[in-house]
Amino acid sequence: FPFPYAQMVVFYLITFCLTFPLLAATKLGSTVDGWMAAWLPPCLVFVTNLVYFGLHKMARELEDPFVNPPNDLPSVMLQNAFNSRLLNSWDSTRCELDDEDPALNNRLAVGDDSE
């Protein structure tokens, strides 16, 4: 996104962060009685600001996801390790079959299915 757009989003987030607590305190403080009048506005402000700043952080990350190396997965290394484990398990299974019935393995290798 263009820099002025990103700058305006941050400006409006900070403006929201400063004005929403006042609005929540005046509106919710007068409509709710008891202990909720003291705890509901701050909790609502905290959760709302947390969500908006989390969305902003996620949008910045999705804008260019391959910039930061900590987010890059070593996919080639993971695939090679998976292939190695898969071949090892296949070889161990084949070795167990060879030990059980060598004649069956010889017939399977030749392709003869008749008994």
PDB file of N, CA and C in Angstrom:
ATOM      1  N   PHE A   1       0.828  -1.178   0.000  1.00  0.00           N
ATOM      2  CA  PHE A   1       0.000   0.000   0.000  1.00  0.00           C
ATOM      3  C   PHE A   1       0.875   1.244   0.000  1.00  0.00           C
ATOM      4  N   PRO A   2       0.343   2.347  -0.468  1.00  0.00           N
ATOM      5  CA  PRO A   2       1.137   3.588  -0.441  1.00  0.00           C
ATOM      6  C   PRO A   2       1.387   4.054   0.998  1.00  0.00           C
ATOM      7  N   PHE A   3       2.482   4.739   1.159  1.00  0.00           N
ATOM      8  CA  PHE A   3       2.877   5.207   2.486  1.00  0.00           C
ATOM      9  C   PHE A   3       1.847   6.151   3.109  1.00  0.00           C
ATOM     10  N   PRO A   4       1.263   7.118   2.368  1.00  0.00           N
ATOM     11  CA  PRO A   4       0.259   7.997   2.999  1.00  0.00           C
ATOM     12  C   PRO A   4      -0.953   7.227   3.532  1.00  0.00           C
ATOM     13  N   TYR A   5      -1.350   6.170   2.839  1.00  0.00           N
ATOM     14  CA  TYR A   5      -2.472   5.356   3.320  1.00  0.00           C
ATOM     15  C   TYR A   5      -2.114   4.691   4.642  1.00  0.00           C
ATOM     16  N   ALA A   6      -0.939   4.099   4.709  1.00  0.00           N
ATOM     17  CA  ALA A   6      -0.502   3.444   5.945  1.00  0.00           C
ATOM     18  C   ALA A   6      -0.359   4.460   7.070  1.00  0.00           C
ATOM     19  N   GLN A   7       0.107   5.660   6.739  1.00  0.00           N
ATOM     20  CA  GLN A   7       0.254   6.711   7.730  1.00  0.00           C
ATOM     21  C   GLN A   7      -1.107   7.139   8.279  1.00  0.00           C
ATOM     22  N   MET A   8      -2.097   7.244   7.422  1.00  0.00           N
ATOM     23  CA  MET A   8      -3.437   7.641   7.857  1.00  0.00           C
ATOM     24  C   MET A   8      -4.081   6.542   8.710  1.00  0.00           C
ATOM     25  N   VAL A   9      -3.841   5.296   8.372  1.00  0.00           N
ATOM     26  CA  VAL A   9      -4.388   4.205   9.182  1.00  0.00           C
ATOM     27  C   VAL A   9      -3.822   4.267  10.594  1.00  0.00           C
ATOM     28  N   VAL A  10      -2.534   4.482  10.733  1.00  0.00           N
ATOM     29  CA  VAL A  10      -1.913   4.582  12.058  1.00  0.00           C
ATOM     30  C   VAL A  10      -2.440   5.806  12.790  1.00  0.00           C
ATOM     31  N   PHE A  11      -2.597   6.915  12.087  1.00  0.00           N
ATOM     32  CA  PHE A  11      -3.127   8.130  12.710  1.00  0.00           C
ATOM     33  C   PHE A  11      -4.535   7.898  13.249  1.00  0.00           C
ATOM     34  N   TYR A  12      -5.387   7.255  12.444  1.00  0.00           N
ATOM     35  CA  TYR A  12      -6.756   6.998  12.898  1.00  0.00           C
ATOM     36  C   TYR A  12      -6.802   5.962  14.022  1.00  0.00           C
ATOM     37  N   LEU A  13      -5.897   5.008  14.024  1.00  0.00           N
ATOM     38  CA  LEU A  13      -5.829   4.059  15.133  1.00  0.00           C
ATOM     39  C   LEU A  13      -5.465   4.762  16.444  1.00  0.00           C
ATOM     40  N   ILE A  14      -4.509   5.661  16.376  1.00  0.00           N
ATOM     41  CA  ILE A  14      -4.113   6.390  17.584  1.00  0.00           C
ATOM     42  C   ILE A  14      -5.231   7.323  18.029  1.00  0.00           C
ATOM     43  N   THR A  15      -5.894   7.975  17.076  1.00  0.00           N
ATOM     44  CA  THR A  15      -7.027   8.831  17.417  1.00  0.00           C
ATOM     45  C   THR A  15      -8.144   8.015  18.061  1.00  0.00           C
ATOM     46  N   PHE A  16      -8.413   6.847  17.514  1.00  0.00           N
ATOM     47  CA  PHE A  16      -9.417   5.960  18.089  1.00  0.00           C
ATOM     48  C   PHE A  16      -9.019   5.528  19.490  1.00  0.00           C
ATOM     49  N   CYS A  17      -7.737   5.256  19.661  1.00  0.00           N
ATOM     50  CA  CYS A  17      -7.225   4.807  20.953  1.00  0.00           C
ATOM     51  C   CYS A  17      -7.380   5.893  22.020  1.00  0.00           C
ATOM     52  N   LEU A  18      -7.309   7.154  21.621  1.00  0.00           N
ATOM     53  CA  LEU A  18      -7.428   8.244  22.577  1.00  0.00           C
ATOM     54  C   LEU A  18      -8.872   8.662  22.828  1.00  0.00           C
ATOM     55  N   THR A  19      -9.734   8.545  21.828  1.00  0.00           N
ATOM     56  CA  THR A  19     -11.112   9.025  21.989  1.00  0.00           C
ATOM     57  C   THR A  19     -12.085   7.940  22.451  1.00  0.00           C
ATOM     58  N   PHE A  20     -11.845   6.698  22.112  1.00  0.00           N
ATOM     59  CA  PHE A  20     -12.786   5.645  22.468  1.00  0.00           C
ATOM     60  C   PHE A  20     -12.922   5.452  23.978  1.00  0.00           C
ATOM     61  N   PRO A  21     -11.850   5.543  24.765  1.00  0.00           N
ATOM     62  CA  PRO A  21     -12.038   5.422  26.219  1.00  0.00           C
ATOM     63  C   PRO A  21     -12.964   6.493  26.785  1.00  0.00           C
ATOM     64  N   LEU A  22     -12.864   7.722  26.271  1.00  0.00           N
ATOM     65  CA  LEU A  22     -13.747   8.788  26.749  1.00  0.00           C
ATOM     66  C   LEU A  22     -15.195   8.503  26.383  1.00  0.00           C
ATOM     67  N   LEU A  23     -15.406   8.075  25.161  1.00  0.00           N
ATOM     68  CA  LEU A  23     -16.752   7.760  24.710  1.00  0.00           C
ATOM     69  C   LEU A  23     -17.327   6.576  25.491  1.00  0.00           C
ATOM     70  N   ALA A  24     -16.524   5.543  25.688  1.00  0.00           N
ATOM     71  CA  ALA A  24     -16.996   4.360  26.422  1.00  0.00           C
ATOM     72  C   ALA A  24     -17.298   4.706  27.873  1.00  0.00           C
ATOM     73  N   ALA A  25     -16.489   5.547  28.477  1.00  0.00           N
ATOM     74  CA  ALA A  25     -16.722   5.914  29.881  1.00  0.00           C
ATOM     75  C   ALA A  25     -17.997   6.733  30.023  1.00  0.00           C
ATOM     76  N   THR A  26     -18.254   7.638  29.096  1.00  0.00           N
ATOM     77  CA  THR A  26     -19.463   8.466  29.220  1.00  0.00           C
ATOM     78  C   THR A  26     -20.717   7.683  28.886  1.00  0.00           C
ATOM     79  N   LYS A  27     -20.679   6.886  27.852  1.00  0.00           N
ATOM     80  CA  LYS A  27     -21.886   6.162  27.443  1.00  0.00           C
ATOM     81  C   LYS A  27     -22.161   4.949  28.335  1.00  0.00           C
ATOM     82  N   LEU A  28     -21.149   4.124  28.583  1.00  0.00           N
ATOM     83  CA  LEU A  28     -21.368   2.919  29.382  1.00  0.00           C
ATOM     84  C   LEU A  28     -21.426   3.215  30.871  1.00  0.00           C
ATOM     85  N   GLY A  29     -20.725   4.242  31.308  1.00  0.00           N
ATOM     86  CA  GLY A  29     -20.735   4.586  32.728  1.00  0.00           C
ATOM     87  C   GLY A  29     -22.088   5.077  33.193  1.00  0.00           C
ATOM     88  N   SER A  30     -22.850   5.703  32.304  1.00  0.00           N
ATOM     89  CA  SER A  30     -24.158   6.225  32.704  1.00  0.00           C
ATOM     90  C   SER A  30     -25.278   5.200  32.539  1.00  0.00           C
ATOM     91  N   THR A  31     -25.060   4.165  31.721  1.00  0.00           N
ATOM     92  CA  THR A  31     -26.128   3.189  31.486  1.00  0.00           C
ATOM     93  C   THR A  31     -26.012   1.956  32.363  1.00  0.00           C
ATOM     94  N   VAL A  32     -24.839   1.690  32.915  1.00  0.00           N
ATOM     95  CA  VAL A  32     -24.621   0.479  33.715  1.00  0.00           C
ATOM     96  C   VAL A  32     -24.408   0.892  35.161  1.00  0.00           C
ATOM     97  N   ASP A  33     -25.008   0.130  36.086  1.00  0.00           N
ATOM     98  CA  ASP A  33     -24.870   0.428  37.518  1.00  0.00           C
ATOM     99  C   ASP A  33     -24.000  -0.620  38.200  1.00  0.00           C
ATOM    100  N   GLY A  34     -23.536  -0.270  39.380  1.00  0.00           N
ATOM    101  CA  GLY A  34     -22.798  -1.219  40.204  1.00  0.00           C
ATOM    102  C   GLY A  34     -21.351  -1.386  39.769  1.00  0.00           C
ATOM    103  N   TRP A  35     -20.851  -2.585  40.011  1.00  0.00           N
ATOM    104  CA  TRP A  35     -19.445  -2.869  39.723  1.00  0.00           C
ATOM    105  C   TRP A  35     -19.153  -2.862  38.235  1.00  0.00           C
ATOM    106  N   MET A  36     -20.180  -3.104  37.393  1.00  0.00           N
ATOM    107  CA  MET A  36     -19.945  -3.105  35.944  1.00  0.00           C
ATOM    108  C   MET A  36     -19.650  -1.708  35.418  1.00  0.00           C
ATOM    109  N   ALA A  37     -20.128  -0.679  36.117  1.00  0.00           N
ATOM    110  CA  ALA A  37     -19.849   0.690  35.686  1.00  0.00           C
ATOM    111  C   ALA A  37     -18.364   1.002  35.778  1.00  0.00           C
ATOM    112  N   ALA A  38     -17.673   0.349  36.692  1.00  0.00           N
ATOM    113  CA  ALA A  38     -16.245   0.603  36.859  1.00  0.00           C
ATOM    114  C   ALA A  38     -15.386  -0.302  35.981  1.00  0.00           C
ATOM    115  N   TRP A  39     -15.862  -1.513  35.675  1.00  0.00           N
ATOM    116  CA  TRP A  39     -15.023  -2.476  34.971  1.00  0.00           C
ATOM    117  C   TRP A  39     -15.366  -2.670  33.504  1.00  0.00           C
ATOM    118  N   LEU A  40     -16.592  -2.445  33.116  1.00  0.00           N
ATOM    119  CA  LEU A  40     -16.985  -2.687  31.729  1.00  0.00           C
ATOM    120  C   LEU A  40     -16.303  -1.743  30.734  1.00  0.00           C
ATOM    121  N   PRO A  41     -16.286  -0.427  30.943  1.00  0.00           N
ATOM    122  CA  PRO A  41     -15.629   0.445  29.954  1.00  0.00           C
ATOM    123  C   PRO A  41     -14.139   0.150  29.746  1.00  0.00           C
ATOM    124  N   PRO A  42     -13.326  -0.012  30.812  1.00  0.00           N
ATOM    125  CA  PRO A  42     -11.908  -0.305  30.562  1.00  0.00           C
ATOM    126  C   PRO A  42     -11.694  -1.643  29.857  1.00  0.00           C
ATOM    127  N   CYS A  43     -12.476  -2.641  30.228  1.00  0.00           N
ATOM    128  CA  CYS A  43     -12.325  -3.954  29.576  1.00  0.00           C
ATOM    129  C   CYS A  43     -12.715  -3.885  28.111  1.00  0.00           C
ATOM    130  N   LEU A  44     -13.813  -3.191  27.834  1.00  0.00           N
ATOM    131  CA  LEU A  44     -14.250  -3.040  26.450  1.00  0.00           C
ATOM    132  C   LEU A  44     -13.229  -2.263  25.622  1.00  0.00           C
ATOM    133  N   VAL A  45     -12.677  -1.204  26.201  1.00  0.00           N
ATOM    134  CA  VAL A  45     -11.660  -0.407  25.501  1.00  0.00           C
ATOM    135  C   VAL A  45     -10.413  -1.246  25.243  1.00  0.00           C
ATOM    136  N   PHE A  46      -9.973  -2.010  26.232  1.00  0.00           N
ATOM    137  CA  PHE A  46      -8.767  -2.830  26.066  1.00  0.00           C
ATOM    138  C   PHE A  46      -8.955  -3.868  24.964  1.00  0.00           C
ATOM    139  N   VAL A  47     -10.064  -4.588  25.001  1.00  0.00           N
ATOM    140  CA  VAL A  47     -10.298  -5.642  24.000  1.00  0.00           C
ATOM    141  C   VAL A  47     -10.449  -5.035  22.604  1.00  0.00           C
ATOM    142  N   THR A  48     -11.174  -3.947  22.496  1.00  0.00           N
ATOM    143  CA  THR A  48     -11.376  -3.312  21.188  1.00  0.00           C
ATOM    144  C   THR A  48     -10.063  -2.803  20.611  1.00  0.00           C
ATOM    145  N   ASN A  49      -9.268  -2.124  21.428  1.00  0.00           N
ATOM    146  CA  ASN A  49      -7.976  -1.632  20.937  1.00  0.00           C
ATOM    147  C   ASN A  49      -7.036  -2.780  20.587  1.00  0.00           C
ATOM    148  N   LEU A  50      -7.061  -3.824  21.389  1.00  0.00           N
ATOM    149  CA  LEU A  50      -6.230  -4.993  21.107  1.00  0.00           C
ATOM    150  C   LEU A  50      -6.594  -5.608  19.757  1.00  0.00           C
ATOM    151  N   VAL A  51      -7.886  -5.723  19.489  1.00  0.00           N
ATOM    152  CA  VAL A  51      -8.334  -6.306  18.225  1.00  0.00           C
ATOM    153  C   VAL A  51      -7.936  -5.418  17.045  1.00  0.00           C
ATOM    154  N   TYR A  52      -8.163  -4.111  17.159  1.00  0.00           N
ATOM    155  CA  TYR A  52      -7.825  -3.222  16.046  1.00  0.00           C
ATOM    156  C   TYR A  52      -6.322  -3.172  15.782  1.00  0.00           C
ATOM    157  N   PHE A  53      -5.514  -3.107  16.827  1.00  0.00           N
ATOM    158  CA  PHE A  53      -4.071  -3.098  16.601  1.00  0.00           C
ATOM    159  C   PHE A  53      -3.570  -4.453  16.116  1.00  0.00           C
ATOM    160  N   GLY A  54      -4.209  -5.532  16.551  1.00  0.00           N
ATOM    161  CA  GLY A  54      -3.856  -6.859  16.030  1.00  0.00           C
ATOM    162  C   GLY A  54      -4.189  -6.987  14.553  1.00  0.00           C
ATOM    163  N   LEU A  55      -5.349  -6.478  14.148  1.00  0.00           N
ATOM    164  CA  LEU A  55      -5.705  -6.486  12.721  1.00  0.00           C
ATOM    165  C   LEU A  55      -4.732  -5.647  11.905  1.00  0.00           C
ATOM    166  N   HIS A  56      -4.327  -4.509  12.462  1.00  0.00           N
ATOM    167  CA  HIS A  56      -3.367  -3.660  11.749  1.00  0.00           C
ATOM    168  C   HIS A  56      -2.020  -4.364  11.599  1.00  0.00           C
ATOM    169  N   LYS A  57      -1.570  -5.007  12.650  1.00  0.00           N
ATOM    170  CA  LYS A  57      -0.289  -5.733  12.592  1.00  0.00           C
ATOM    171  C   LYS A  57      -0.364  -6.894  11.593  1.00  0.00           C
ATOM    172  N   MET A  58      -1.481  -7.602  11.597  1.00  0.00           N
ATOM    173  CA  MET A  58      -1.644  -8.716  10.666  1.00  0.00           C
ATOM    174  C   MET A  58      -1.707  -8.215   9.225  1.00  0.00           C
ATOM    175  N   ALA A  59      -2.383  -7.097   8.989  1.00  0.00           N
ATOM    176  CA  ALA A  59      -2.457  -6.536   7.636  1.00  0.00           C
ATOM    177  C   ALA A  59      -1.079  -6.099   7.154  1.00  0.00           C
ATOM    178  N   ARG A  60      -0.269  -5.533   8.054  1.00  0.00           N
ATOM    179  CA  ARG A  60       1.093  -5.148   7.666  1.00  0.00           C
ATOM    180  C   ARG A  60       1.929  -6.371   7.305  1.00  0.00           C
ATOM    181  N   GLU A  61       1.715  -7.453   8.033  1.00  0.00           N
ATOM    182  CA  GLU A  61       2.475  -8.679   7.769  1.00  0.00           C
ATOM    183  C   GLU A  61       2.025  -9.329   6.466  1.00  0.00           C
ATOM    184  N   LEU A  62       0.731  -9.314   6.198  1.00  0.00           N
ATOM    185  CA  LEU A  62       0.217  -9.910   4.967  1.00  0.00           C
ATOM    186  C   LEU A  62       0.527  -9.066   3.733  1.00  0.00           C
ATOM    187  N   GLU A  63       0.817  -7.796   3.955  1.00  0.00           N
ATOM    188  CA  GLU A  63       1.150  -6.920   2.839  1.00  0.00           C
ATOM    189  C   GLU A  63       2.427  -7.383   2.142  1.00  0.00           C
ATOM    190  N   ASP A  64       3.398  -7.808   2.913  1.00  0.00           N
ATOM    191  CA  ASP A  64       4.655  -8.316   2.346  1.00  0.00           C
ATOM    192  C   ASP A  64       5.170  -9.422   3.260  1.00  0.00           C
ATOM    193  N   PRO A  65       4.681 -10.648   3.082  1.00  0.00           N
ATOM    194  CA  PRO A  65       4.973 -11.696   4.065  1.00  0.00           C
ATOM    195  C   PRO A  65       6.383 -12.266   4.011  1.00  0.00           C
ATOM    196  N   PHE A  66       7.133 -12.021   2.953  1.00  0.00           N
ATOM    197  CA  PHE A  66       8.440 -12.665   2.817  1.00  0.00           C
ATOM    198  C   PHE A  66       9.597 -11.718   3.097  1.00  0.00           C
ATOM    199  N   VAL A  67       9.345 -10.647   3.835  1.00  0.00           N
ATOM    200  CA  VAL A  67      10.398  -9.695   4.148  1.00  0.00           C
ATOM    201  C   VAL A  67      11.199 -10.158   5.360  1.00  0.00           C
ATOM    202  N   ASN A  68      10.516 -10.623   6.383  1.00  0.00           N
ATOM    203  CA  ASN A  68      11.180 -10.987   7.636  1.00  0.00           C
ATOM    204  C   ASN A  68      11.601 -12.450   7.610  1.00  0.00           C
ATOM    205  N   PRO A  69      12.890 -12.731   7.775  1.00  0.00           N
ATOM    206  CA  PRO A  69      13.355 -14.113   7.766  1.00  0.00           C
ATOM    207  C   PRO A  69      12.749 -15.010   8.844  1.00  0.00           C
ATOM    208  N   PRO A  70      12.345 -14.510  10.031  1.00  0.00           N
ATOM    209  CA  PRO A  70      11.745 -15.443  10.990  1.00  0.00           C
ATOM    210  C   PRO A  70      10.450 -16.074  10.488  1.00  0.00           C
ATOM    211  N   ASN A  71       9.802 -15.447   9.509  1.00  0.00           N
ATOM    212  CA  ASN A  71       8.557 -16.008   8.989  1.00  0.00           C
ATOM    213  C   ASN A  71       8.794 -17.003   7.860  1.00  0.00           C
ATOM    214  N   ASP A  72      10.005 -17.073   7.362  1.00  0.00           N
ATOM    215  CA  ASP A  72      10.298 -17.993   6.272  1.00  0.00           C
ATOM    216  C   ASP A  72      10.495 -19.401   6.830  1.00  0.00           C
ATOM    217  N   LEU A  73       9.774 -20.339   6.278  1.00  0.00           N
ATOM    218  CA  LEU A  73       9.943 -21.727   6.700  1.00  0.00           C
ATOM    219  C   LEU A  73      11.044 -22.389   5.876  1.00  0.00           C
ATOM    220  N   PRO A  74      11.861 -23.215   6.495  1.00  0.00           N
ATOM    221  CA  PRO A  74      12.871 -23.953   5.733  1.00  0.00           C
ATOM    222  C   PRO A  74      12.212 -25.143   5.030  1.00  0.00           C
ATOM    223  N   SER A  75      11.401 -24.857   4.023  1.00  0.00           N
ATOM    224  CA  SER A  75      10.566 -25.893   3.411  1.00  0.00           C
ATOM    225  C   SER A  75      11.392 -26.958   2.686  1.00  0.00           C
ATOM    226  N   VAL A  76      12.502 -26.594   2.074  1.00  0.00           N
ATOM    227  CA  VAL A  76      13.329 -27.587   1.384  1.00  0.00           C
ATOM    228  C   VAL A  76      13.912 -28.569   2.402  1.00  0.00           C
ATOM    229  N   MET A  77      14.404 -28.049   3.525  1.00  0.00           N
ATOM    230  CA  MET A  77      14.959 -28.917   4.558  1.00  0.00           C
ATOM    231  C   MET A  77      13.866 -29.812   5.163  1.00  0.00           C
ATOM    232  N   LEU A  78      12.683 -29.241   5.395  1.00  0.00           N
ATOM    233  CA  LEU A  78      11.581 -30.034   5.941  1.00  0.00           C
ATOM    234  C   LEU A  78      11.159 -31.133   4.973  1.00  0.00           C
ATOM    235  N   GLN A  79      11.122 -30.836   3.670  1.00  0.00           N
ATOM    236  CA  GLN A  79      10.738 -31.839   2.682  1.00  0.00           C
ATOM    237  C   GLN A  79      11.787 -32.943   2.595  1.00  0.00           C
ATOM    238  N   ASN A  80      13.065 -32.582   2.623  1.00  0.00           N
ATOM    239  CA  ASN A  80      14.124 -33.592   2.589  1.00  0.00           C
ATOM    240  C   ASN A  80      14.081 -34.496   3.821  1.00  0.00           C
ATOM    241  N   ALA A  81      13.838 -33.917   4.991  1.00  0.00           N
ATOM    242  CA  ALA A  81      13.736 -34.714   6.205  1.00  0.00           C
ATOM    243  C   ALA A  81      12.527 -35.645   6.143  1.00  0.00           C
ATOM    244  N   PHE A  82      11.411 -35.151   5.619  1.00  0.00           N
ATOM    245  CA  PHE A  82      10.221 -35.988   5.476  1.00  0.00           C
ATOM    246  C   PHE A  82      10.483 -37.136   4.509  1.00  0.00           C
ATOM    247  N   ASN A  83      11.128 -36.847   3.369  1.00  0.00           N
ATOM    248  CA  ASN A  83      11.442 -37.897   2.396  1.00  0.00           C
ATOM    249  C   ASN A  83      12.376 -38.944   3.000  1.00  0.00           C
ATOM    250  N   SER A  84      13.345 -38.487   3.784  1.00  0.00           N
ATOM    251  CA  SER A  84      14.275 -39.419   4.407  1.00  0.00           C
ATOM    252  C   SER A  84      13.545 -40.334   5.396  1.00  0.00           C
ATOM    253  N   ARG A  85      12.667 -39.755   6.225  1.00  0.00           N
ATOM    254  CA  ARG A  85      11.901 -40.579   7.172  1.00  0.00           C
ATOM    255  C   ARG A  85      10.973 -41.537   6.433  1.00  0.00           C
ATOM    256  N   LEU A  86      10.381 -41.086   5.342  1.00  0.00           N
ATOM    257  CA  LEU A  86       9.473 -41.930   4.572  1.00  0.00           C
ATOM    258  C   LEU A  86      10.227 -43.105   3.950  1.00  0.00           C
ATOM    259  N   LEU A  87      11.404 -42.836   3.382  1.00  0.00           N
ATOM    260  CA  LEU A  87      12.198 -43.918   2.795  1.00  0.00           C
ATOM    261  C   LEU A  87      12.689 -44.894   3.866  1.00  0.00           C
ATOM    262  N   ASN A  88      13.069 -44.379   5.043  1.00  0.00           N
ATOM    263  CA  ASN A  88      13.500 -45.261   6.131  1.00  0.00           C
ATOM    264  C   ASN A  88      12.371 -46.163   6.587  1.00  0.00           C
ATOM    265  N   SER A  89      11.171 -45.612   6.713  1.00  0.00           N
ATOM    266  CA  SER A  89      10.051 -46.451   7.140  1.00  0.00           C
ATOM    267  C   SER A  89       9.694 -47.456   6.044  1.00  0.00           C
ATOM    268  N   TRP A  90       9.800 -47.063   4.781  1.00  0.00           N
ATOM    269  CA  TRP A  90       9.524 -47.988   3.683  1.00  0.00           C
ATOM    270  C   TRP A  90      10.549 -49.117   3.674  1.00  0.00           C
ATOM    271  N   ASP A  91      11.833 -48.772   3.866  1.00  0.00           N
ATOM    272  CA  ASP A  91      12.875 -49.792   3.889  1.00  0.00           C
ATOM    273  C   ASP A  91      12.705 -50.750   5.059  1.00  0.00           C
ATOM    274  N   SER A  92      12.320 -50.228   6.221  1.00  0.00           N
ATOM    275  CA  SER A  92      12.131 -51.122   7.366  1.00  0.00           C
ATOM    276  C   SER A  92      10.928 -52.035   7.137  1.00  0.00           C
ATOM    277  N   THR A  93       9.888 -51.562   6.486  1.00  0.00           N
ATOM    278  CA  THR A  93       8.733 -52.401   6.172  1.00  0.00           C
ATOM    279  C   THR A  93       9.119 -53.468   5.166  1.00  0.00           C
ATOM    280  N   ARG A  94       9.894 -53.101   4.165  1.00  0.00           N
ATOM    281  CA  ARG A  94      10.342 -54.073   3.168  1.00  0.00           C
ATOM    282  C   ARG A  94      11.237 -55.126   3.809  1.00  0.00           C
ATOM    283  N   CYS A  95      12.091 -54.719   4.740  1.00  0.00           N
ATOM    284  CA  CYS A  95      12.963 -55.685   5.414  1.00  0.00           C
ATOM    285  C   CYS A  95      12.143 -56.668   6.239  1.00  0.00           C
ATOM    286  N   GLU A  96      11.080 -56.203   6.891  1.00  0.00           N
ATOM    287  CA  GLU A  96      10.227 -57.102   7.664  1.00  0.00           C
ATOM    288  C   GLU A  96       9.534 -58.093   6.736  1.00  0.00           C
ATOM    289  N   LEU A  97       9.088 -57.655   5.564  1.00  0.00           N
ATOM    290  CA  LEU A  97       8.458 -58.565   4.608  1.00  0.00           C
ATOM    291  C   LEU A  97       9.458 -59.579   4.078  1.00  0.00           C
ATOM    292  N   ASP A  98      10.685 -59.152   3.833  1.00  0.00           N
ATOM    293  CA  ASP A  98      11.713 -60.071   3.346  1.00  0.00           C
ATOM    294  C   ASP A  98      11.994 -61.158   4.369  1.00  0.00           C
ATOM    295  N   ASP A  99      11.991 -60.794   5.644  1.00  0.00           N
ATOM    296  CA  ASP A  99      12.260 -61.767   6.692  1.00  0.00           C
ATOM    297  C   ASP A  99      11.114 -62.753   6.854  1.00  0.00           C
ATOM    298  N   GLU A 100       9.882 -62.320   6.610  1.00  0.00           N
ATOM    299  CA  GLU A 100       8.729 -63.193   6.820  1.00  0.00           C
ATOM    300  C   GLU A 100       8.594 -64.263   5.737  1.00  0.00           C
ATOM    301  N   ASP A 101       8.601 -63.864   4.475  1.00  0.00           N
ATOM    302  CA  ASP A 101       8.357 -64.817   3.389  1.00  0.00           C
ATOM    303  C   ASP A 101       9.186 -64.418   2.165  1.00  0.00           C
ATOM    304  N   PRO A 102      10.416 -64.920   2.057  1.00  0.00           N
ATOM    305  CA  PRO A 102      11.256 -64.567   0.914  1.00  0.00           C
ATOM    306  C   PRO A 102      10.672 -65.047  -0.414  1.00  0.00           C
ATOM    307  N   ALA A 103       9.958 -66.181  -0.414  1.00  0.00           N
ATOM    308  CA  ALA A 103       9.389 -66.691  -1.666  1.00  0.00           C
ATOM    309  C   ALA A 103       8.320 -65.741  -2.197  1.00  0.00           C
ATOM    310  N   LEU A 104       7.520 -65.152  -1.308  1.00  0.00           N
ATOM    311  CA  LEU A 104       6.490 -64.200  -1.725  1.00  0.00           C
ATOM    312  C   LEU A 104       7.129 -62.969  -2.339  1.00  0.00           C
ATOM    313  N   ASN A 105       8.204 -62.506  -1.742  1.00  0.00           N
ATOM    314  CA  ASN A 105       8.877 -61.324  -2.278  1.00  0.00           C
ATOM    315  C   ASN A 105       9.500 -61.613  -3.634  1.00  0.00           C
ATOM    316  N   ASN A 106      10.010 -62.823  -3.817  1.00  0.00           N
ATOM    317  CA  ASN A 106      10.564 -63.177  -5.122  1.00  0.00           C
ATOM    318  C   ASN A 106       9.477 -63.212  -6.181  1.00  0.00           C
ATOM    319  N   ARG A 107       8.302 -63.770  -5.844  1.00  0.00           N
ATOM    320  CA  ARG A 107       7.194 -63.797  -6.807  1.00  0.00           C
ATOM    321  C   ARG A 107       6.712 -62.386  -7.129  1.00  0.00           C
ATOM    322  N   LEU A 108       6.660 -61.510  -6.086  1.00  0.00           N
ATOM    323  CA  LEU A 108       6.229 -60.137  -6.328  1.00  0.00           C
ATOM    324  C   LEU A 108       7.241 -59.392  -7.188  1.00  0.00           C
ATOM    325  N   ALA A 109       8.529 -59.662  -6.997  1.00  0.00           N
ATOM    326  CA  ALA A 109       9.546 -59.007  -7.796  1.00  0.00           C
ATOM    327  C   ALA A 109       9.483 -59.432  -9.245  1.00  0.00           C
ATOM    328  N   VAL A 110       9.183 -60.713  -9.480  1.00  0.00           N
ATOM    329  CA  VAL A 110       9.102 -61.247 -10.849  1.00  0.00           C
ATOM    330  C   VAL A 110       7.762 -60.859 -11.492  1.00  0.00           C
ATOM    331  N   GLY A 111       6.737 -60.749 -10.668  1.00  0.00           N
ATOM    332  CA  GLY A 111       5.421 -60.409 -11.179  1.00  0.00           C
ATOM    333  C   GLY A 111       4.521 -61.611 -11.377  1.00  0.00           C
ATOM    334  N   ASP A 112       4.899 -62.731 -10.798  1.00  0.00           N
ATOM    335  CA  ASP A 112       4.116 -63.941 -10.914  1.00  0.00           C
ATOM    336  C   ASP A 112       3.137 -64.016  -9.764  1.00  0.00           C
ATOM    337  N   ASP A 113       1.827 -63.947 -10.054  1.00  0.00           N
ATOM    338  CA  ASP A 113       0.805 -64.017  -9.022  1.00  0.00           C
ATOM    339  C   ASP A 113       0.193 -65.407  -8.883  1.00  0.00           C
ATOM    340  N   SER A 114       0.549 -66.327  -9.731  1.00  0.00           N
ATOM    341  CA  SER A 114      -0.056 -67.667  -9.679  1.00  0.00           C
ATOM    342  C   SER A 114       0.567 -68.456  -8.545  1.00  0.00           C
ATOM    343  N   GLU A 115      -0.232 -69.334  -7.945  1.00  0.00           N
ATOM    344  CA  GLU A 115       0.241 -70.155  -6.835  1.00  0.00           C
ATOM    345  C   GLU A 115       0.533 -71.532  -7.295  1.00  0.00           C
TER     346      GLU A 115
END
